[in-house]
Amino acid sequence: MSSATRFTDSLGNPLSLADPTSVGAVNAFVEGFISCEARAVDVLAAENDPSPIVQAYCATLHLFAESRDAVANARPFILRAQAAAGATLREQRYIAAIAAWADGDIARAIALHHEQVREHPRDLASLKLGQYHCFNTGDCPGMLRLALAALPAAGEVPYLHGMAAFGYEQCHLMREAEASARQAISMERKEPWAHHALGHVMLTEGRLSEGLAFMCSVSDTWVGLNSFMVTHNWWHVALFLIDLGRDEEALEIYDRQVWGVVKAYSQDQIGAVSLLARFELAGIDVGNRWLDLAEHLALRLDDHVLPFLDLQYLYGLARAGRPEADRLMRNIEAFAPKAPPSTRDAWQRVCVPAAHGLHAHARGDFDSAIEGLGMALPRLIEIGGSHAQRDLFEQVYLDALIRRGTEATLTGAQGILQRQVNGQPESKRLRRQTEAVYARLGLPGFDR
């Protein structure tokens, strides 16, 4: 590969390529990955190119399957990338980060991505992958540090501003998040990650009608995206609809846009689980929708890729009445003490009690649901997911308090609900729930 240095990707990063025609495949991955477009998978067409970065990008895609087979499918590509000669230092560091991911050493992977952004701030694929790992471990400041480190060198790339926006939002820096998201969108209207970040801001700030109008106004650009991005942005639309009391429209979004794009994919599955659960918690009848979803969840019993995923697989199976829920519960308990060291504490101290709580709630055991979720909620950020996603677990806990129905649990529910309705005055869902709890506590209704 003596002529490797004459190749660069579209962001200006040097490439060591055995086959010059692979530049297009590399750019498809880099550009597709940072823009959340499905064309990232086009790099697989060059999988026979022994170039180390090509092999590493192919491994990345396999690991993103988030399945029990993902590591085994990625491993041959990682080994070829490690064995290949001529990789640049940037490429070597990226390969090391992918290998650490496959080995379950997420702390090392994150450290390598931070090192990469300092040395090569235009390697935005590495940056976005580092944000993914930080997100999955609850390291919101880490997400933001990665994006801010690259801005001086790559500020002309709209997708970087979207990455910064989500980092700001997860750190509760809403003004900065909105400014970064709007900056990204002003540069590229089709910037779905920035749409997503701004949707988060508006939901968090209780700007429900505005949030719904905004997301719908840019939804025409959600084409050519990977299934997670398109289904997740529509998932956000459905959340606004639920809170605004537009139940039938929300159900239609589930049927048309959230479930059924790529039914075998982990993120599409948990999006469906969390939306069906929210429907039920809001008093919306979901009919037999759990049954089709559970057919796919039943294949996830031995995955244990991320605790955040396992918890939702478990709840979906239990709500569908599938006996596999019991097996998954046992599998989570057995796996947690053997989890990789960098995530073991989250599995043991957060996932296991949360799993018991969710499993109990789905079976109508509200005392156990309160106990398990009550233990897990203070540390729930450690299993990853966004604020909006983790809100599901608090909603389940709140529902258990209300349905348990003692003076003590209703008092606890009142405190939670009133704080929420104060921040979301437009929410018909929260107002309904709050008024019902006030009536059971013998308190006068409110008009605020």
Protein backbone atom coordinates (compact mmCIF):
# COMPACT_ATOMS: atom_id res chain seq x y z
CA MET A 1 0.00 0.00 0.00
CA SER A 2 2.82 2.42 -0.76
CA SER A 3 0.48 4.82 -2.56
CA ALA A 4 -2.08 4.85 0.25
CA THR A 5 -1.54 8.43 1.33
CA ARG A 6 -2.92 9.86 -1.91
CA PHE A 7 -6.42 8.75 -0.94
CA THR A 8 -8.68 10.65 1.44
CA ASP A 9 -12.29 10.28 2.48
CA SER A 10 -14.81 13.06 1.83
CA LEU A 11 -13.94 14.69 5.17
CA GLY A 12 -10.25 14.84 4.29
CA ASN A 13 -9.05 11.92 6.42
CA PRO A 14 -6.15 9.95 4.80
CA LEU A 15 -6.99 6.41 3.73
CA SER A 16 -4.83 3.34 3.16
CA LEU A 17 -6.66 1.46 0.44
CA ALA A 18 -5.63 -1.60 -1.52
CA ASP A 19 -8.34 -0.91 -4.08
CA PRO A 20 -8.81 2.72 -5.17
CA THR A 21 -12.41 2.01 -6.17
CA SER A 22 -13.24 1.49 -2.49
CA VAL A 23 -13.08 5.26 -1.87
CA GLY A 24 -16.75 5.45 -2.86
CA ALA A 25 -17.70 2.66 -0.46
CA VAL A 26 -15.75 4.30 2.36
CA ASN A 27 -17.47 7.63 1.71
CA ALA A 28 -20.86 5.92 1.63
CA PHE A 29 -20.18 4.59 5.11
CA VAL A 30 -18.78 7.81 6.56
CA GLU A 31 -21.36 10.12 5.03
CA GLY A 32 -24.22 7.69 5.58
CA PHE A 33 -23.27 7.03 9.19
CA ILE A 34 -23.04 10.66 10.25
CA SER A 35 -26.24 11.58 8.37
CA CYS A 36 -28.20 8.51 9.59
CA GLU A 37 -28.74 7.36 6.01
CA ALA A 38 -29.13 3.76 4.92
CA ARG A 39 -26.34 4.11 2.34
CA ALA A 40 -23.82 3.46 5.12
CA VAL A 41 -24.33 -0.24 4.40
CA ASP A 42 -22.93 0.23 0.89
CA VAL A 43 -19.45 -0.33 2.31
CA LEU A 44 -20.35 -4.02 2.56
CA ALA A 45 -20.14 -4.17 -1.22
CA ALA A 46 -16.37 -3.67 -0.80
CA GLU A 47 -15.98 -6.30 1.93
CA ASN A 48 -13.47 -8.23 -0.17
CA ASP A 49 -11.11 -5.28 -0.20
CA PRO A 50 -8.47 -6.18 2.44
CA SER A 51 -7.87 -2.51 3.29
CA PRO A 52 -7.93 -2.19 7.08
CA ILE A 53 -10.42 0.68 7.29
CA VAL A 54 -12.83 -1.05 4.90
CA GLN A 55 -12.74 -4.17 7.05
CA ALA A 56 -13.22 -2.08 10.20
CA TYR A 57 -16.23 -0.27 8.77
CA CYS A 58 -17.79 -3.60 7.76
CA ALA A 59 -17.23 -4.84 11.33
CA THR A 60 -18.90 -1.69 12.65
CA LEU A 61 -22.06 -2.39 10.70
CA HIS A 62 -22.21 -5.98 11.94
CA LEU A 63 -21.84 -4.85 15.56
CA PHE A 64 -24.67 -2.37 15.10
CA ALA A 65 -27.01 -5.31 14.60
CA GLU A 66 -27.05 -5.46 18.43
CA SER A 67 -27.78 -9.17 18.36
CA ARG A 68 -26.19 -12.21 19.98
CA ASP A 69 -24.57 -13.04 16.64
CA ALA A 70 -23.19 -9.56 16.04
CA VAL A 71 -19.75 -10.11 17.57
CA ALA A 72 -19.24 -13.44 15.81
CA ASN A 73 -20.23 -11.86 12.50
CA ALA A 74 -17.95 -8.88 13.04
CA ARG A 75 -14.92 -10.79 14.33
CA PRO A 76 -13.51 -11.96 10.95
CA PHE A 77 -13.53 -8.37 9.69
CA ILE A 78 -11.80 -7.15 12.85
CA LEU A 79 -9.11 -9.81 12.56
CA ARG A 80 -8.47 -8.93 8.92
CA ALA A 81 -8.29 -5.23 9.79
CA GLN A 82 -5.81 -5.92 12.59
CA ALA A 83 -3.65 -8.14 10.40
CA ALA A 84 -3.52 -5.83 7.40
CA ALA A 85 -0.38 -3.80 6.80
CA GLY A 86 -0.19 -0.11 6.02
CA ALA A 87 -2.97 1.31 8.19
CA THR A 88 -2.55 4.94 9.22
CA LEU A 89 -2.40 5.78 12.92
CA ARG A 90 -5.97 7.11 12.68
CA GLU A 91 -7.14 3.87 11.13
CA GLN A 92 -5.24 1.80 13.70
CA ARG A 93 -6.94 3.66 16.54
CA TYR A 94 -10.39 3.19 14.97
CA ILE A 95 -9.71 -0.54 14.53
CA ALA A 96 -8.62 -0.78 18.18
CA ALA A 97 -11.84 0.93 19.25
CA ILE A 98 -13.95 -1.52 17.23
CA ALA A 99 -12.03 -4.46 18.71
CA ALA A 100 -12.62 -3.11 22.22
CA TRP A 101 -16.34 -2.80 21.44
CA ALA A 102 -16.46 -6.40 20.26
CA ASP A 103 -14.63 -7.49 23.42
CA GLY A 104 -17.15 -5.68 25.61
CA ASP A 105 -14.55 -3.20 26.86
CA ILE A 106 -16.68 -0.13 26.32
CA ALA A 107 -14.57 2.04 28.62
CA ARG A 108 -11.54 1.45 26.41
CA ALA A 109 -13.55 2.05 23.25
CA ILE A 110 -14.76 5.41 24.59
CA ALA A 111 -11.23 6.40 25.60
CA LEU A 112 -9.97 5.63 22.09
CA HIS A 113 -12.74 7.68 20.47
CA HIS A 114 -11.87 10.63 22.72
CA GLU A 115 -8.22 10.26 21.73
CA GLN A 116 -9.21 10.09 18.08
CA VAL A 117 -11.20 13.33 18.18
CA ARG A 118 -8.22 15.12 19.72
CA GLU A 119 -5.80 13.81 17.08
CA HIS A 120 -8.16 13.67 14.10
CA PRO A 121 -11.17 15.94 14.74
CA ARG A 122 -12.54 15.42 11.25
CA ASP A 123 -13.00 11.69 11.82
CA LEU A 124 -16.69 12.22 12.46
CA ALA A 125 -17.58 8.55 12.05
CA SER A 126 -15.35 7.80 15.05
CA LEU A 127 -16.90 10.70 16.92
CA LYS A 128 -20.47 9.52 16.30
CA LEU A 129 -19.57 6.00 17.36
CA GLY A 130 -18.00 7.38 20.52
CA GLN A 131 -21.23 9.25 21.23
CA TYR A 132 -23.15 6.00 20.77
CA HIS A 133 -21.07 4.30 23.45
CA CYS A 134 -21.30 7.28 25.81
CA PHE A 135 -25.07 7.32 25.28
CA ASN A 136 -25.36 3.63 26.11
CA THR A 137 -23.46 4.09 29.38
CA GLY A 138 -25.17 7.30 30.49
CA ASP A 139 -22.11 9.48 29.93
CA CYS A 140 -23.90 12.57 28.66
CA PRO A 141 -20.97 14.96 29.29
CA GLY A 142 -18.79 12.59 27.28
CA MET A 143 -21.17 12.89 24.33
CA LEU A 144 -20.93 16.64 24.45
CA ARG A 145 -17.13 16.74 24.90
CA LEU A 146 -16.67 14.65 21.77
CA ALA A 147 -18.75 17.00 19.63
CA LEU A 148 -17.28 20.21 21.04
CA ALA A 149 -13.73 18.94 20.45
CA ALA A 150 -14.41 18.61 16.72
CA LEU A 151 -16.29 21.86 16.09
CA PRO A 152 -13.24 24.09 15.46
CA ALA A 153 -11.99 21.74 12.74
CA ALA A 154 -15.28 20.57 11.21
CA GLY A 155 -17.80 23.29 11.92
CA GLU A 156 -18.88 23.42 8.27
CA VAL A 157 -20.39 19.92 8.56
CA PRO A 158 -24.07 20.26 9.52
CA TYR A 159 -24.26 16.80 11.05
CA LEU A 160 -21.65 17.74 13.64
CA HIS A 161 -23.95 20.49 14.92
CA GLY A 162 -26.70 17.88 15.21
CA MET A 163 -24.37 15.69 17.26
CA ALA A 164 -23.55 18.66 19.49
CA ALA A 165 -27.26 19.46 19.85
CA PHE A 166 -28.09 16.03 21.21
CA GLY A 167 -25.11 16.14 23.56
CA TYR A 168 -26.30 19.49 24.91
CA GLU A 169 -29.87 18.21 25.29
CA GLN A 170 -28.83 15.12 27.21
CA CYS A 171 -26.85 17.41 29.55
CA HIS A 172 -30.06 19.45 30.10
CA LEU A 173 -28.55 22.47 28.32
CA MET A 174 -31.71 23.21 26.38
CA ARG A 175 -30.90 26.68 25.04
CA GLU A 176 -27.59 25.50 23.61
CA ALA A 177 -29.22 22.34 22.26
CA GLU A 178 -31.87 24.27 20.39
CA ALA A 179 -29.34 26.72 18.97
CA SER A 180 -27.10 23.89 17.72
CA ALA A 181 -30.03 21.98 16.24
CA ARG A 182 -31.30 25.04 14.42
CA GLN A 183 -27.79 25.77 13.18
CA ALA A 184 -27.59 22.26 11.72
CA ILE A 185 -30.99 22.55 10.07
CA SER A 186 -30.15 25.97 8.61
CA MET A 187 -27.15 24.33 6.94
CA GLU A 188 -28.96 21.16 5.83
CA ARG A 189 -32.75 20.89 6.12
CA LYS A 190 -32.49 17.09 5.87
CA GLU A 191 -30.66 16.63 9.17
CA PRO A 192 -32.76 14.04 11.01
CA TRP A 193 -30.50 13.85 14.08
CA ALA A 194 -30.92 17.60 14.58
CA HIS A 195 -34.68 17.21 14.10
CA HIS A 196 -34.54 14.52 16.75
CA ALA A 197 -32.57 16.73 19.16
CA LEU A 198 -34.94 19.64 18.73
CA GLY A 199 -37.90 17.30 19.24
CA HIS A 200 -36.32 16.27 22.54
CA VAL A 201 -35.97 19.91 23.59
CA MET A 202 -39.58 20.72 22.82
CA LEU A 203 -40.87 17.62 24.60
CA THR A 204 -38.76 18.33 27.67
CA GLU A 205 -39.85 21.95 27.79
CA GLY A 206 -43.53 21.07 27.38
CA ARG A 207 -43.82 22.71 23.96
CA LEU A 208 -46.04 19.89 22.73
CA SER A 209 -48.08 21.53 19.97
CA GLU A 210 -45.00 23.34 18.70
CA GLY A 211 -42.98 20.12 18.81
CA LEU A 212 -45.60 18.18 16.88
CA ALA A 213 -45.86 20.92 14.25
CA PHE A 214 -42.10 21.11 13.88
CA MET A 215 -41.53 17.37 13.52
CA CYS A 216 -44.34 17.06 10.99
CA SER A 217 -42.96 20.03 9.04
CA VAL A 218 -39.64 18.28 8.40
CA SER A 219 -40.96 14.70 8.11
CA ASP A 220 -40.92 14.93 4.32
CA THR A 221 -37.12 14.73 4.54
CA TRP A 222 -37.11 11.42 6.43
CA VAL A 223 -36.37 9.36 3.35
CA GLY A 224 -33.37 7.18 2.64
CA LEU A 225 -32.63 6.94 6.37
CA ASN A 226 -31.67 3.89 8.38
CA SER A 227 -34.66 2.23 9.99
CA PHE A 228 -33.79 3.41 13.50
CA MET A 229 -33.70 7.07 12.52
CA VAL A 230 -36.93 7.10 10.56
CA THR A 231 -38.90 5.00 13.06
CA HIS A 232 -37.47 6.89 16.03
CA ASN A 233 -38.38 10.30 14.68
CA TRP A 234 -41.92 9.07 14.04
CA TRP A 235 -41.85 7.62 17.57
CA HIS A 236 -41.29 11.18 18.79
CA VAL A 237 -44.25 12.35 16.72
CA ALA A 238 -46.37 9.70 18.42
CA LEU A 239 -45.27 10.89 21.89
CA PHE A 240 -46.52 14.38 21.11
CA LEU A 241 -49.81 12.95 19.84
CA ILE A 242 -50.32 10.82 22.98
CA ASP A 243 -49.80 13.79 25.28
CA LEU A 244 -52.10 15.96 23.20
CA GLY A 245 -54.86 13.35 23.42
CA ARG A 246 -54.85 12.46 19.73
CA ASP A 247 -54.93 8.74 20.39
CA GLU A 248 -56.11 7.40 17.04
CA GLU A 249 -53.49 9.38 15.17
CA ALA A 250 -50.82 8.04 17.51
CA LEU A 251 -51.94 4.46 16.89
CA GLU A 252 -51.87 5.09 13.16
CA ILE A 253 -48.27 6.35 13.43
CA TYR A 254 -47.34 3.13 15.28
CA ASP A 255 -48.92 0.95 12.59
CA ARG A 256 -47.64 2.91 9.62
CA GLN A 257 -44.29 4.37 10.66
CA VAL A 258 -42.90 2.79 13.84
CA TRP A 259 -43.49 -0.94 13.62
CA GLY A 260 -42.83 -2.90 10.48
CA VAL A 261 -39.94 -1.06 8.81
CA VAL A 262 -37.28 -3.60 9.82
CA LYS A 263 -38.99 -5.90 12.31
CA ALA A 264 -35.83 -7.89 12.98
CA TYR A 265 -33.84 -4.86 14.15
CA SER A 266 -33.30 -4.27 17.88
CA GLN A 267 -33.98 -0.54 17.83
CA ASP A 268 -37.18 -0.92 15.85
CA GLN A 269 -38.31 -3.54 18.35
CA ILE A 270 -37.68 -1.47 21.46
CA GLY A 271 -39.28 1.56 19.85
CA ALA A 272 -42.39 -0.53 19.31
CA VAL A 273 -42.30 -1.92 22.87
CA SER A 274 -41.95 1.48 24.47
CA LEU A 275 -44.69 3.01 22.34
CA LEU A 276 -47.18 0.21 22.99
CA ALA A 277 -46.40 0.46 26.70
CA ARG A 278 -47.00 4.21 26.64
CA PHE A 279 -50.30 3.70 24.87
CA GLU A 280 -51.48 1.36 27.59
CA LEU A 281 -50.20 3.58 30.40
CA ALA A 282 -52.19 6.43 28.84
CA GLY A 283 -55.32 4.25 28.81
CA ILE A 284 -55.25 3.54 25.06
CA ASP A 285 -56.33 0.06 23.94
CA VAL A 286 -53.64 -1.48 21.74
CA GLY A 287 -55.69 -4.51 20.71
CA ASN A 288 -53.55 -7.50 19.73
CA ARG A 289 -50.49 -5.47 18.70
CA TRP A 290 -48.28 -7.05 21.39
CA LEU A 291 -48.64 -10.47 19.77
CA ASP A 292 -46.88 -9.75 16.49
CA LEU A 293 -44.12 -7.83 18.25
CA ALA A 294 -43.55 -10.67 20.73
CA GLU A 295 -42.85 -13.12 17.90
CA HIS A 296 -39.68 -11.13 17.21
CA LEU A 297 -38.82 -10.44 20.84
CA ALA A 298 -38.86 -14.17 21.57
CA LEU A 299 -35.68 -14.49 19.51
CA ARG A 300 -33.80 -12.13 21.87
CA LEU A 301 -33.59 -14.28 24.98
CA ASP A 302 -29.82 -14.75 24.87
CA ASP A 303 -28.68 -11.45 23.40
CA HIS A 304 -27.58 -9.39 26.45
CA VAL A 305 -25.98 -6.75 24.23
CA LEU A 306 -27.23 -3.78 26.26
CA PRO A 307 -29.26 -3.79 29.48
CA PHE A 308 -31.50 -1.06 28.08
CA LEU A 309 -32.53 -3.41 25.27
CA ASP A 310 -33.06 -6.48 27.43
CA LEU A 311 -35.41 -4.60 29.75
CA GLN A 312 -37.73 -3.70 26.90
CA TYR A 313 -37.60 -7.14 25.33
CA LEU A 314 -38.62 -8.50 28.73
CA TYR A 315 -41.52 -6.12 29.21
CA GLY A 316 -42.85 -6.73 25.72
CA LEU A 317 -42.77 -10.49 26.15
CA ALA A 318 -44.47 -10.23 29.53
CA ARG A 319 -47.21 -7.90 28.23
CA ALA A 320 -47.83 -10.36 25.40
CA GLY A 321 -48.23 -13.13 27.99
CA ARG A 322 -45.37 -15.09 26.51
CA PRO A 323 -43.68 -17.68 28.78
CA GLU A 324 -40.33 -16.63 27.30
CA ALA A 325 -40.49 -13.61 29.62
CA ASP A 326 -39.72 -15.88 32.57
CA ARG A 327 -36.76 -17.37 30.75
CA LEU A 328 -35.40 -13.96 29.80
CA MET A 329 -35.73 -12.86 33.42
CA ARG A 330 -33.64 -15.82 34.52
CA ASN A 331 -31.13 -15.21 31.73
CA ILE A 332 -30.65 -11.58 32.80
CA GLU A 333 -30.03 -12.66 36.38
CA ALA A 334 -27.50 -15.26 35.24
CA PHE A 335 -25.71 -12.95 32.83
CA ALA A 336 -25.37 -9.87 35.06
CA PRO A 337 -22.54 -11.20 37.30
CA LYS A 338 -20.64 -12.32 34.18
CA ALA A 339 -21.09 -9.11 32.18
CA PRO A 340 -17.91 -7.36 30.97
CA PRO A 341 -16.30 -5.41 33.81
CA SER A 342 -16.99 -1.97 32.32
CA THR A 343 -20.77 -2.59 32.28
CA ARG A 344 -21.17 -5.21 35.00
CA ASP A 345 -22.32 -2.79 37.69
CA ALA A 346 -25.08 -1.44 35.46
CA TRP A 347 -26.28 -4.95 34.73
CA GLN A 348 -26.24 -6.04 38.37
CA ARG A 349 -27.26 -2.91 40.26
CA VAL A 350 -29.67 -1.36 37.79
CA CYS A 351 -30.84 -3.83 35.17
CA VAL A 352 -31.65 -6.75 37.47
CA PRO A 353 -33.91 -4.81 39.90
CA ALA A 354 -35.50 -2.91 37.01
CA ALA A 355 -36.17 -6.22 35.24
CA HIS A 356 -37.88 -7.59 38.34
CA GLY A 357 -39.99 -4.45 38.55
CA LEU A 358 -41.02 -4.48 34.90
CA HIS A 359 -41.75 -8.19 34.92
CA ALA A 360 -43.87 -7.78 38.03
CA HIS A 361 -45.80 -4.82 36.62
CA ALA A 362 -46.65 -6.69 33.45
CA ARG A 363 -48.04 -9.53 35.60
CA GLY A 364 -50.03 -7.21 37.89
CA ASP A 365 -47.78 -7.54 40.96
CA PHE A 366 -47.60 -3.87 41.84
CA ASP A 367 -45.85 -4.24 45.19
CA SER A 368 -42.93 -5.98 43.52
CA ALA A 369 -43.00 -3.51 40.64
CA ILE A 370 -42.67 -0.61 43.08
CA GLU A 371 -39.85 -2.34 44.94
CA GLY A 372 -37.79 -3.27 41.88
CA LEU A 373 -38.24 -0.06 39.92
CA GLY A 374 -37.85 2.03 43.06
CA MET A 375 -34.38 0.52 43.53
CA ALA A 376 -33.38 1.06 39.91
CA LEU A 377 -34.76 4.52 39.08
CA PRO A 378 -32.15 6.63 40.92
CA ARG A 379 -29.38 4.99 38.85
CA LEU A 380 -31.26 4.37 35.64
CA ILE A 381 -29.05 6.67 33.58
CA GLU A 382 -26.28 4.05 33.91
CA ILE A 383 -28.04 1.73 31.45
CA GLY A 384 -28.20 4.40 28.76
CA GLY A 385 -31.08 5.58 26.65
CA SER A 386 -32.29 9.15 26.40
CA HIS A 387 -34.32 11.04 28.99
CA ALA A 388 -37.41 10.54 26.83
CA GLN A 389 -36.75 6.82 26.47
CA ARG A 390 -36.04 6.23 30.16
CA ASP A 391 -39.24 8.09 31.03
CA LEU A 392 -41.04 4.85 30.20
CA PHE A 393 -39.66 3.21 33.34
CA GLU A 394 -40.82 6.09 35.53
CA GLN A 395 -44.24 5.91 33.88
CA VAL A 396 -44.44 2.21 34.74
CA TYR A 397 -43.37 2.95 38.33
CA LEU A 398 -45.96 5.72 38.57
CA ASP A 399 -48.66 3.41 37.22
CA ALA A 400 -47.74 0.81 39.84
CA LEU A 401 -48.05 3.43 42.60
CA ILE A 402 -51.49 4.46 41.37
CA ARG A 403 -52.78 0.93 40.84
CA ARG A 404 -51.47 -0.20 44.24
CA GLY A 405 -53.78 2.50 45.54
CA THR A 406 -52.76 2.93 49.17
CA GLU A 407 -52.60 6.32 50.81
CA ALA A 408 -48.82 6.14 50.74
CA THR A 409 -48.49 5.13 47.10
CA LEU A 410 -51.07 7.66 45.93
CA THR A 411 -49.23 10.34 47.86
CA GLY A 412 -46.03 9.38 46.07
CA ALA A 413 -47.87 9.44 42.74
CA GLN A 414 -49.27 12.90 43.45
CA GLY A 415 -45.80 14.33 43.98
CA ILE A 416 -44.51 12.86 40.74
CA LEU A 417 -47.52 13.82 38.68
CA GLN A 418 -47.81 17.38 39.88
CA ARG A 419 -44.19 18.09 39.07
CA GLN A 420 -44.68 16.61 35.62
CA VAL A 421 -47.88 18.49 34.84
CA ASN A 422 -46.25 21.72 35.99
CA GLY A 423 -43.65 21.22 33.28
CA GLN A 424 -46.09 19.90 30.67
CA PRO A 425 -49.25 22.01 31.06
CA GLU A 426 -50.43 21.08 27.55
CA SER A 427 -50.43 17.36 28.33
CA LYS A 428 -53.95 15.97 28.43
CA ARG A 429 -52.52 12.60 29.44
CA LEU A 430 -50.88 13.99 32.56
CA ARG A 431 -53.88 16.15 33.42
CA ARG A 432 -56.16 13.11 33.24
CA GLN A 433 -53.88 11.07 35.48
CA THR A 434 -53.37 13.90 37.96
CA GLU A 435 -57.07 14.64 38.31
CA ALA A 436 -57.82 10.97 38.94
CA VAL A 437 -55.19 10.79 41.70
CA TYR A 438 -56.44 14.01 43.27
CA ALA A 439 -59.96 12.57 43.38
CA ARG A 440 -58.75 9.39 45.09
CA LEU A 441 -56.82 11.45 47.64
CA GLY A 442 -59.90 13.56 48.41
CA LEU A 443 -58.26 16.72 47.13
CA PRO A 444 -60.05 19.38 45.09
CA GLY A 445 -59.46 19.46 41.38
CA PHE A 446 -57.18 22.04 39.87
CA ASP A 447 -57.31 24.41 36.95
CA ARG A 448 -53.80 25.54 36.07
